Amino acid sequence: MSNQTEKGELWEVFLQSKSGLAFKHAGSVHGSDAEIALQNARDVYTRRNEAVGLWIVPSDQIAAAPSDSDSFFDPADDKVYRHPTFYNVPDGVKHM
């Protein structure tokens, strides 16, 4: 399935607000290729120095978990060792 339009392909934009932090989804842009989409993303999403990093990904390349299926996430419920409830986070630990 292609998401190609007369404006170009649809690309998802991810921004990193500070060095070392995770990238977060910011929105979408159109572009005929990666270079144009990257320039469009820069122009739209970083006008006020909101980011130090920028990723773009073709929308049709993103795979997502099914939104209507609770059973997809069921296996994690029975593995208590995967939940960080057995220890205390030391003072001074950031971004956890």
PDB file of N, CA and C in Angstrom:
ATOM      1  N   MET A   1       0.843  -1.175   0.000  1.00  0.00           N
ATOM      2  CA  MET A   1       0.000   0.000   0.000  1.00  0.00           C
ATOM      3  C   MET A   1       0.890   1.241   0.000  1.00  0.00           C
ATOM      4  N   SER A   2       0.619   2.146  -0.867  1.00  0.00           N
ATOM      5  CA  SER A   2       1.421   3.356  -0.969  1.00  0.00           C
ATOM      6  C   SER A   2       0.636   4.547  -0.435  1.00  0.00           C
ATOM      7  N   ASN A   3       1.338   5.466   0.171  1.00  0.00           N
ATOM      8  CA  ASN A   3       0.691   6.681   0.655  1.00  0.00           C
ATOM      9  C   ASN A   3       1.150   7.880  -0.174  1.00  0.00           C
ATOM     10  N   GLN A   4       1.406   7.652  -1.449  1.00  0.00           N
ATOM     11  CA  GLN A   4       1.874   8.668  -2.381  1.00  0.00           C
ATOM     12  C   GLN A   4       0.705   9.551  -2.812  1.00  0.00           C
ATOM     13  N   THR A   5       0.884  10.850  -2.781  1.00  0.00           N
ATOM     14  CA  THR A   5      -0.119  11.804  -3.253  1.00  0.00           C
ATOM     15  C   THR A   5       0.567  12.762  -4.216  1.00  0.00           C
ATOM     16  N   GLU A   6      -0.200  13.737  -4.707  1.00  0.00           N
ATOM     17  CA  GLU A   6       0.401  14.739  -5.585  1.00  0.00           C
ATOM     18  C   GLU A   6       1.410  15.604  -4.836  1.00  0.00           C
ATOM     19  N   LYS A   7       1.348  15.625  -3.498  1.00  0.00           N
ATOM     20  CA  LYS A   7       2.306  16.364  -2.678  1.00  0.00           C
ATOM     21  C   LYS A   7       3.558  15.553  -2.392  1.00  0.00           C
ATOM     22  N   GLY A   8       3.549  14.293  -2.710  1.00  0.00           N
ATOM     23  CA  GLY A   8       4.663  13.411  -2.393  1.00  0.00           C
ATOM     24  C   GLY A   8       4.262  12.403  -1.340  1.00  0.00           C
ATOM     25  N   GLU A   9       5.227  11.629  -0.928  1.00  0.00           N
ATOM     26  CA  GLU A   9       5.000  10.582   0.061  1.00  0.00           C
ATOM     27  C   GLU A   9       4.803  11.189   1.453  1.00  0.00           C
ATOM     28  N   LEU A  10       4.047  10.489   2.307  1.00  0.00           N
ATOM     29  CA  LEU A  10       3.831  10.938   3.680  1.00  0.00           C
ATOM     30  C   LEU A  10       4.956  10.398   4.557  1.00  0.00           C
ATOM     31  N   TRP A  11       5.561  11.274   5.362  1.00  0.00           N
ATOM     32  CA  TRP A  11       6.671  10.932   6.256  1.00  0.00           C
ATOM     33  C   TRP A  11       6.304  11.302   7.685  1.00  0.00           C
ATOM     34  N   GLU A  12       6.656  10.459   8.634  1.00  0.00           N
ATOM     35  CA  GLU A  12       6.447  10.750  10.049  1.00  0.00           C
ATOM     36  C   GLU A  12       7.703  11.422  10.594  1.00  0.00           C
ATOM     37  N   VAL A  13       7.522  12.419  11.450  1.00  0.00           N
ATOM     38  CA  VAL A  13       8.624  13.238  11.967  1.00  0.00           C
ATOM     39  C   VAL A  13       8.810  12.958  13.460  1.00  0.00           C
ATOM     40  N   PHE A  14      10.061  12.720  13.854  1.00  0.00           N
ATOM     41  CA  PHE A  14      10.420  12.492  15.253  1.00  0.00           C
ATOM     42  C   PHE A  14      11.490  13.512  15.639  1.00  0.00           C
ATOM     43  N   LEU A  15      11.301  14.156  16.796  1.00  0.00           N
ATOM     44  CA  LEU A  15      12.226  15.184  17.268  1.00  0.00           C
ATOM     45  C   LEU A  15      12.900  14.748  18.555  1.00  0.00           C
ATOM     46  N   GLN A  16      14.146  15.181  18.735  1.00  0.00           N
ATOM     47  CA  GLN A  16      14.881  15.007  19.982  1.00  0.00           C
ATOM     48  C   GLN A  16      15.076  16.409  20.553  1.00  0.00           C
ATOM     49  N   SER A  17      14.475  16.679  21.716  1.00  0.00           N
ATOM     50  CA  SER A  17      14.509  18.036  22.258  1.00  0.00           C
ATOM     51  C   SER A  17      15.853  18.413  22.870  1.00  0.00           C
ATOM     52  N   LYS A  18      16.546  17.430  23.484  1.00  0.00           N
ATOM     53  CA  LYS A  18      17.879  17.658  24.048  1.00  0.00           C
ATOM     54  C   LYS A  18      18.735  16.441  23.772  1.00  0.00           C
ATOM     55  N   SER A  19      20.023  16.652  23.640  1.00  0.00           N
ATOM     56  CA  SER A  19      20.940  15.547  23.400  1.00  0.00           C
ATOM     57  C   SER A  19      20.825  14.512  24.521  1.00  0.00           C
ATOM     58  N   GLY A  20      20.714  13.256  24.150  1.00  0.00           N
ATOM     59  CA  GLY A  20      20.614  12.181  25.122  1.00  0.00           C
ATOM     60  C   GLY A  20      19.195  11.768  25.456  1.00  0.00           C
ATOM     61  N   LEU A  21      18.194  12.587  25.106  1.00  0.00           N
ATOM     62  CA  LEU A  21      16.803  12.233  25.358  1.00  0.00           C
ATOM     63  C   LEU A  21      16.231  11.445  24.187  1.00  0.00           C
ATOM     64  N   ALA A  22      15.128  10.785  24.424  1.00  0.00           N
ATOM     65  CA  ALA A  22      14.472   9.989  23.388  1.00  0.00           C
ATOM     66  C   ALA A  22      13.852  10.890  22.329  1.00  0.00           C
ATOM     67  N   PHE A  23      13.746  10.361  21.121  1.00  0.00           N
ATOM     68  CA  PHE A  23      13.032  11.042  20.057  1.00  0.00           C
ATOM     69  C   PHE A  23      11.538  10.841  20.284  1.00  0.00           C
ATOM     70  N   LYS A  24      10.731  11.868  19.998  1.00  0.00           N
ATOM     71  CA  LYS A  24       9.282  11.794  20.160  1.00  0.00           C
ATOM     72  C   LYS A  24       8.599  12.187  18.856  1.00  0.00           C
ATOM     73  N   HIS A  25       7.479  11.526  18.584  1.00  0.00           N
ATOM     74  CA  HIS A  25       6.728  11.819  17.369  1.00  0.00           C
ATOM     75  C   HIS A  25       6.183  13.236  17.436  1.00  0.00           C
ATOM     76  N   ALA A  26       6.393  13.997  16.363  1.00  0.00           N
ATOM     77  CA  ALA A  26       5.955  15.384  16.326  1.00  0.00           C
ATOM     78  C   ALA A  26       4.809  15.598  15.340  1.00  0.00           C
ATOM     79  N   GLY A  27       4.735  14.771  14.295  1.00  0.00           N
ATOM     80  CA  GLY A  27       3.704  14.948  13.283  1.00  0.00           C
ATOM     81  C   GLY A  27       4.126  14.348  11.967  1.00  0.00           C
ATOM     82  N   SER A  28       3.573  14.853  10.884  1.00  0.00           N
ATOM     83  CA  SER A  28       3.825  14.311   9.551  1.00  0.00           C
ATOM     84  C   SER A  28       4.093  15.434   8.558  1.00  0.00           C
ATOM     85  N   VAL A  29       4.827  15.102   7.511  1.00  0.00           N
ATOM     86  CA  VAL A  29       5.054  16.018   6.390  1.00  0.00           C
ATOM     87  C   VAL A  29       4.994  15.208   5.099  1.00  0.00           C
ATOM     88  N   HIS A  30       4.859  15.923   3.993  1.00  0.00           N
ATOM     89  CA  HIS A  30       4.926  15.293   2.680  1.00  0.00           C
ATOM     90  C   HIS A  30       6.253  15.664   2.024  1.00  0.00           C
ATOM     91  N   GLY A  31       6.734  14.785   1.171  1.00  0.00           N
ATOM     92  CA  GLY A  31       7.941  15.063   0.412  1.00  0.00           C
ATOM     93  C   GLY A  31       8.125  14.042  -0.679  1.00  0.00           C
ATOM     94  N   SER A  32       8.682  14.469  -1.801  1.00  0.00           N
ATOM     95  CA  SER A  32       8.881  13.564  -2.923  1.00  0.00           C
ATOM     96  C   SER A  32      10.008  12.570  -2.672  1.00  0.00           C
ATOM     97  N   ASP A  33      10.921  12.924  -1.758  1.00  0.00           N
ATOM     98  CA  ASP A  33      11.991  11.999  -1.366  1.00  0.00           C
ATOM     99  C   ASP A  33      12.441  12.368   0.051  1.00  0.00           C
ATOM    100  N   ALA A  34      13.403  11.624   0.593  1.00  0.00           N
ATOM    101  CA  ALA A  34      13.840  11.836   1.977  1.00  0.00           C
ATOM    102  C   ALA A  34      14.431  13.224   2.179  1.00  0.00           C
ATOM    103  N   GLU A  35      15.191  13.699   1.229  1.00  0.00           N
ATOM    104  CA  GLU A  35      15.823  15.010   1.369  1.00  0.00           C
ATOM    105  C   GLU A  35      14.790  16.131   1.458  1.00  0.00           C
ATOM    106  N   ILE A  36      13.797  16.090   0.582  1.00  0.00           N
ATOM    107  CA  ILE A  36      12.736  17.110   0.597  1.00  0.00           C
ATOM    108  C   ILE A  36      11.906  16.985   1.875  1.00  0.00           C
ATOM    109  N   ALA A  37      11.576  15.767   2.274  1.00  0.00           N
ATOM    110  CA  ALA A  37      10.796  15.567   3.501  1.00  0.00           C
ATOM    111  C   ALA A  37      11.565  16.062   4.722  1.00  0.00           C
ATOM    112  N   LEU A  38      12.865  15.841   4.764  1.00  0.00           N
ATOM    113  CA  LEU A  38      13.687  16.309   5.873  1.00  0.00           C
ATOM    114  C   LEU A  38      13.710  17.837   5.927  1.00  0.00           C
ATOM    115  N   GLN A  39      13.829  18.467   4.776  1.00  0.00           N
ATOM    116  CA  GLN A  39      13.792  19.930   4.729  1.00  0.00           C
ATOM    117  C   GLN A  39      12.428  20.456   5.170  1.00  0.00           C
ATOM    118  N   ASN A  40      11.350  19.789   4.726  1.00  0.00           N
ATOM    119  CA  ASN A  40      10.004  20.201   5.122  1.00  0.00           C
ATOM    120  C   ASN A  40       9.813  20.041   6.632  1.00  0.00           C
ATOM    121  N   ALA A  41      10.305  18.936   7.173  1.00  0.00           N
ATOM    122  CA  ALA A  41      10.194  18.690   8.612  1.00  0.00           C
ATOM    123  C   ALA A  41      10.972  19.744   9.398  1.00  0.00           C
ATOM    124  N   ARG A  42      12.160  20.073   8.934  1.00  0.00           N
ATOM    125  CA  ARG A  42      12.962  21.118   9.579  1.00  0.00           C
ATOM    126  C   ARG A  42      12.221  22.445   9.571  1.00  0.00           C
ATOM    127  N   ASP A  43      11.651  22.799   8.423  1.00  0.00           N
ATOM    128  CA  ASP A  43      10.954  24.077   8.287  1.00  0.00           C
ATOM    129  C   ASP A  43       9.700  24.147   9.155  1.00  0.00           C
ATOM    130  N   VAL A  44       8.989  23.032   9.288  1.00  0.00           N
ATOM    131  CA  VAL A  44       7.727  23.031  10.025  1.00  0.00           C
ATOM    132  C   VAL A  44       7.926  22.844  11.530  1.00  0.00           C
ATOM    133  N   TYR A  45       8.817  21.948  11.919  1.00  0.00           N
ATOM    134  CA  TYR A  45       8.883  21.528  13.320  1.00  0.00           C
ATOM    135  C   TYR A  45      10.069  22.075  14.118  1.00  0.00           C
ATOM    136  N   THR A  46      11.004  22.781  13.480  1.00  0.00           N
ATOM    137  CA  THR A  46      12.159  23.279  14.238  1.00  0.00           C
ATOM    138  C   THR A  46      12.389  24.774  14.013  1.00  0.00           C
ATOM    139  N   ARG A  47      11.344  25.509  13.786  1.00  0.00           N
ATOM    140  CA  ARG A  47      11.478  26.954  13.516  1.00  0.00           C
ATOM    141  C   ARG A  47      11.984  27.731  14.715  1.00  0.00           C
ATOM    142  N   ARG A  48      11.701  27.234  15.923  1.00  0.00           N
ATOM    143  CA  ARG A  48      12.076  27.971  17.139  1.00  0.00           C
ATOM    144  C   ARG A  48      13.089  27.194  17.973  1.00  0.00           C
ATOM    145  N   ASN A  49      13.964  26.476  17.314  1.00  0.00           N
ATOM    146  CA  ASN A  49      15.004  25.689  17.988  1.00  0.00           C
ATOM    147  C   ASN A  49      14.434  24.691  18.992  1.00  0.00           C
ATOM    148  N   GLU A  50      13.331  24.006  18.628  1.00  0.00           N
ATOM    149  CA  GLU A  50      12.706  23.033  19.511  1.00  0.00           C
ATOM    150  C   GLU A  50      13.456  21.712  19.568  1.00  0.00           C
ATOM    151  N   ALA A  51      14.431  21.516  18.697  1.00  0.00           N
ATOM    152  CA  ALA A  51      15.055  20.197  18.608  1.00  0.00           C
ATOM    153  C   ALA A  51      16.544  20.288  18.321  1.00  0.00           C
ATOM    154  N   VAL A  52      17.251  19.236  18.763  1.00  0.00           N
ATOM    155  CA  VAL A  52      18.665  19.078  18.410  1.00  0.00           C
ATOM    156  C   VAL A  52      18.849  17.887  17.484  1.00  0.00           C
ATOM    157  N   GLY A  53      17.788  17.066  17.331  1.00  0.00           N
ATOM    158  CA  GLY A  53      17.824  15.910  16.446  1.00  0.00           C
ATOM    159  C   GLY A  53      16.510  15.776  15.710  1.00  0.00           C
ATOM    160  N   LEU A  54      16.547  15.242  14.496  1.00  0.00           N
ATOM    161  CA  LEU A  54      15.365  15.125  13.655  1.00  0.00           C
ATOM    162  C   LEU A  54      15.441  13.834  12.860  1.00  0.00           C
ATOM    163  N   TRP A  55      14.407  13.030  12.961  1.00  0.00           N
ATOM    164  CA  TRP A  55      14.284  11.800  12.162  1.00  0.00           C
ATOM    165  C   TRP A  55      13.033  11.906  11.320  1.00  0.00           C
ATOM    166  N   ILE A  56      13.075  11.348  10.123  1.00  0.00           N
ATOM    167  CA  ILE A  56      11.869  11.172   9.317  1.00  0.00           C
ATOM    168  C   ILE A  56      11.819   9.711   8.878  1.00  0.00           C
ATOM    169  N   VAL A  57      10.615   9.180   8.815  1.00  0.00           N
ATOM    170  CA  VAL A  57      10.396   7.779   8.447  1.00  0.00           C
ATOM    171  C   VAL A  57       9.198   7.731   7.511  1.00  0.00           C
ATOM    172  N   PRO A  58       9.301   7.004   6.390  1.00  0.00           N
ATOM    173  CA  PRO A  58       8.114   6.872   5.536  1.00  0.00           C
ATOM    174  C   PRO A  58       6.970   6.235   6.335  1.00  0.00           C
ATOM    175  N   SER A  59       5.810   6.836   6.273  1.00  0.00           N
ATOM    176  CA  SER A  59       4.670   6.363   7.059  1.00  0.00           C
ATOM    177  C   SER A  59       4.335   4.907   6.777  1.00  0.00           C
ATOM    178  N   ASP A  60       4.490   4.483   5.533  1.00  0.00           N
ATOM    179  CA  ASP A  60       4.133   3.099   5.207  1.00  0.00           C
ATOM    180  C   ASP A  60       5.169   2.086   5.689  1.00  0.00           C
ATOM    181  N   GLN A  61       6.252   2.550   6.306  1.00  0.00           N
ATOM    182  CA  GLN A  61       7.264   1.646   6.848  1.00  0.00           C
ATOM    183  C   GLN A  61       7.119   1.430   8.354  1.00  0.00           C
ATOM    184  N   ILE A  62       6.131   2.070   8.971  1.00  0.00           N
ATOM    185  CA  ILE A  62       5.913   1.922  10.407  1.00  0.00           C
ATOM    186  C   ILE A  62       4.924   0.799  10.649  1.00  0.00           C
ATOM    187  N   ALA A  63       5.321  -0.144  11.491  1.00  0.00           N
ATOM    188  CA  ALA A  63       4.435  -1.245  11.879  1.00  0.00           C
ATOM    189  C   ALA A  63       3.914  -0.949  13.275  1.00  0.00           C
ATOM    190  N   ALA A  64       2.628  -1.181  13.486  1.00  0.00           N
ATOM    191  CA  ALA A  64       2.007  -0.879  14.775  1.00  0.00           C
ATOM    192  C   ALA A  64       1.250  -2.094  15.294  1.00  0.00           C
ATOM    193  N   ALA A  65       1.160  -2.183  16.607  1.00  0.00           N
ATOM    194  CA  ALA A  65       0.369  -3.238  17.239  1.00  0.00           C
ATOM    195  C   ALA A  65      -1.103  -3.015  16.908  1.00  0.00           C
ATOM    196  N   PRO A  66      -1.857  -4.087  16.797  1.00  0.00           N
ATOM    197  CA  PRO A  66      -3.286  -3.924  16.500  1.00  0.00           C
ATOM    198  C   PRO A  66      -3.991  -3.180  17.630  1.00  0.00           C
ATOM    199  N   SER A  67      -4.763  -2.164  17.273  1.00  0.00           N
ATOM    200  CA  SER A  67      -5.416  -1.341  18.286  1.00  0.00           C
ATOM    201  C   SER A  67      -6.663  -2.000  18.873  1.00  0.00           C
ATOM    202  N   ASP A  68      -7.188  -3.028  18.227  1.00  0.00           N
ATOM    203  CA  ASP A  68      -8.421  -3.650  18.697  1.00  0.00           C
ATOM    204  C   ASP A  68      -8.190  -5.014  19.347  1.00  0.00           C
ATOM    205  N   SER A  69      -6.938  -5.336  19.679  1.00  0.00           N
ATOM    206  CA  SER A  69      -6.645  -6.669  20.189  1.00  0.00           C
ATOM    207  C   SER A  69      -5.922  -6.604  21.518  1.00  0.00           C
ATOM    208  N   ASP A  70      -6.676  -6.814  22.618  1.00  0.00           N
ATOM    209  CA  ASP A  70      -6.065  -6.846  23.939  1.00  0.00           C
ATOM    210  C   ASP A  70      -5.155  -8.055  24.104  1.00  0.00           C
ATOM    211  N   SER A  71      -5.424  -9.114  23.360  1.00  0.00           N
ATOM    212  CA  SER A  71      -4.630 -10.331  23.501  1.00  0.00           C
ATOM    213  C   SER A  71      -3.185 -10.132  23.046  1.00  0.00           C
ATOM    214  N   PHE A  72      -2.942  -9.125  22.226  1.00  0.00           N
ATOM    215  CA  PHE A  72      -1.577  -8.858  21.772  1.00  0.00           C
ATOM    216  C   PHE A  72      -0.667  -8.519  22.948  1.00  0.00           C
ATOM    217  N   PHE A  73      -1.219  -7.849  23.976  1.00  0.00           N
ATOM    218  CA  PHE A  73      -0.442  -7.415  25.122  1.00  0.00           C
ATOM    219  C   PHE A  73      -0.563  -8.350  26.325  1.00  0.00           C
ATOM    220  N   ASP A  74      -1.383  -9.365  26.251  1.00  0.00           N
ATOM    221  CA  ASP A  74      -1.601 -10.282  27.370  1.00  0.00           C
ATOM    222  C   ASP A  74      -0.347 -10.969  27.899  1.00  0.00           C
ATOM    223  N   PRO A  75       0.582 -11.424  27.093  1.00  0.00           N
ATOM    224  CA  PRO A  75       1.734 -12.156  27.637  1.00  0.00           C
ATOM    225  C   PRO A  75       2.530 -11.394  28.688  1.00  0.00           C
ATOM    226  N   ALA A  76       2.542 -10.087  28.648  1.00  0.00           N
ATOM    227  CA  ALA A  76       3.319  -9.304  29.609  1.00  0.00           C
ATOM    228  C   ALA A  76       2.697  -9.298  31.002  1.00  0.00           C
ATOM    229  N   ASP A  77       1.387  -9.541  31.095  1.00  0.00           N
ATOM    230  CA  ASP A  77       0.703  -9.473  32.381  1.00  0.00           C
ATOM    231  C   ASP A  77       1.121 -10.566  33.348  1.00  0.00           C
ATOM    232  N   ASP A  78       1.543 -11.709  32.860  1.00  0.00           N
ATOM    233  CA  ASP A  78       1.856 -12.827  33.753  1.00  0.00           C
ATOM    234  C   ASP A  78       3.346 -12.947  34.079  1.00  0.00           C
ATOM    235  N   LYS A  79       4.112 -11.931  33.750  1.00  0.00           N
ATOM    236  CA  LYS A  79       5.554 -11.958  34.011  1.00  0.00           C
ATOM    237  C   LYS A  79       5.908 -10.793  34.933  1.00  0.00           C
ATOM    238  N   VAL A  80       5.679 -10.998  36.230  1.00  0.00           N
ATOM    239  CA  VAL A  80       5.875  -9.905  37.187  1.00  0.00           C
ATOM    240  C   VAL A  80       7.320  -9.429  37.246  1.00  0.00           C
ATOM    241  N   TYR A  81       8.242 -10.290  36.889  1.00  0.00           N
ATOM    242  CA  TYR A  81       9.653  -9.899  36.934  1.00  0.00           C
ATOM    243  C   TYR A  81       9.980  -8.824  35.914  1.00  0.00           C
ATOM    244  N   ARG A  82       9.103  -8.572  34.974  1.00  0.00           N
ATOM    245  CA  ARG A  82       9.335  -7.529  33.984  1.00  0.00           C
ATOM    246  C   ARG A  82       8.934  -6.139  34.485  1.00  0.00           C
ATOM    247  N   HIS A  83       8.273  -6.096  35.631  1.00  0.00           N
ATOM    248  CA  HIS A  83       7.835  -4.830  36.196  1.00  0.00           C
ATOM    249  C   HIS A  83       8.809  -4.394  37.292  1.00  0.00           C
ATOM    250  N   PRO A  84       9.258  -3.154  37.265  1.00  0.00           N
ATOM    251  CA  PRO A  84      10.271  -2.692  38.229  1.00  0.00           C
ATOM    252  C   PRO A  84       9.683  -2.390  39.609  1.00  0.00           C
ATOM    253  N   THR A  85       9.091  -3.400  40.236  1.00  0.00           N
ATOM    254  CA  THR A  85       8.482  -3.193  41.543  1.00  0.00           C
ATOM    255  C   THR A  85       9.303  -3.789  42.676  1.00  0.00           C
ATOM    256  N   PHE A  86      10.435  -4.399  42.366  1.00  0.00           N
ATOM    257  CA  PHE A  86      11.205  -5.124  43.372  1.00  0.00           C
ATOM    258  C   PHE A  86      12.447  -4.369  43.842  1.00  0.00           C
ATOM    259  N   TYR A  87      12.633  -3.151  43.391  1.00  0.00           N
ATOM    260  CA  TYR A  87      13.801  -2.383  43.817  1.00  0.00           C
ATOM    261  C   TYR A  87      13.459  -0.906  43.833  1.00  0.00           C
ATOM    262  N   ASN A  88      14.270  -0.155  44.543  1.00  0.00           N
ATOM    263  CA  ASN A  88      14.099   1.295  44.602  1.00  0.00           C
ATOM    264  C   ASN A  88      15.101   1.950  43.663  1.00  0.00           C
ATOM    265  N   VAL A  89      14.657   2.982  42.983  1.00  0.00           N
ATOM    266  CA  VAL A  89      15.544   3.732  42.100  1.00  0.00           C
ATOM    267  C   VAL A  89      16.374   4.668  42.963  1.00  0.00           C
ATOM    268  N   PRO A  90      17.695   4.609  42.844  1.00  0.00           N
ATOM    269  CA  PRO A  90      18.556   5.476  43.651  1.00  0.00           C
ATOM    270  C   PRO A  90      18.319   6.961  43.347  1.00  0.00           C
ATOM    271  N   ASP A  91      18.509   7.781  44.343  1.00  0.00           N
ATOM    272  CA  ASP A  91      18.419   9.227  44.138  1.00  0.00           C
ATOM    273  C   ASP A  91      19.456   9.655  43.127  1.00  0.00           C
ATOM    274  N   GLY A  92      19.128  10.599  42.320  1.00  0.00           N
ATOM    275  CA  GLY A  92      20.064  11.094  41.330  1.00  0.00           C
ATOM    276  C   GLY A  92      19.937  10.453  39.959  1.00  0.00           C
ATOM    277  N   VAL A  93      19.183   9.364  39.843  1.00  0.00           N
ATOM    278  CA  VAL A  93      18.985   8.729  38.547  1.00  0.00           C
ATOM    279  C   VAL A  93      17.933   9.535  37.775  1.00  0.00           C
ATOM    280  N   LYS A  94      18.286   9.968  36.588  1.00  0.00           N
ATOM    281  CA  LYS A  94      17.384  10.787  35.782  1.00  0.00           C
ATOM    282  C   LYS A  94      16.943  10.041  34.542  1.00  0.00           C
ATOM    283  N   HIS A  95      15.815  10.436  34.005  1.00  0.00           N
ATOM    284  CA  HIS A  95      15.285   9.911  32.731  1.00  0.00           C
ATOM    285  C   HIS A  95      15.068   8.407  32.763  1.00  0.00           C
ATOM    286  N   MET A  96      14.488   7.925  33.848  1.00  0.00           N
ATOM    287  CA  MET A  96      14.215   6.489  33.908  1.00  0.00           C
ATOM    288  C   MET A  96      12.747   6.236  33.969  1.00  0.00           C
TER     289      MET A  96
END
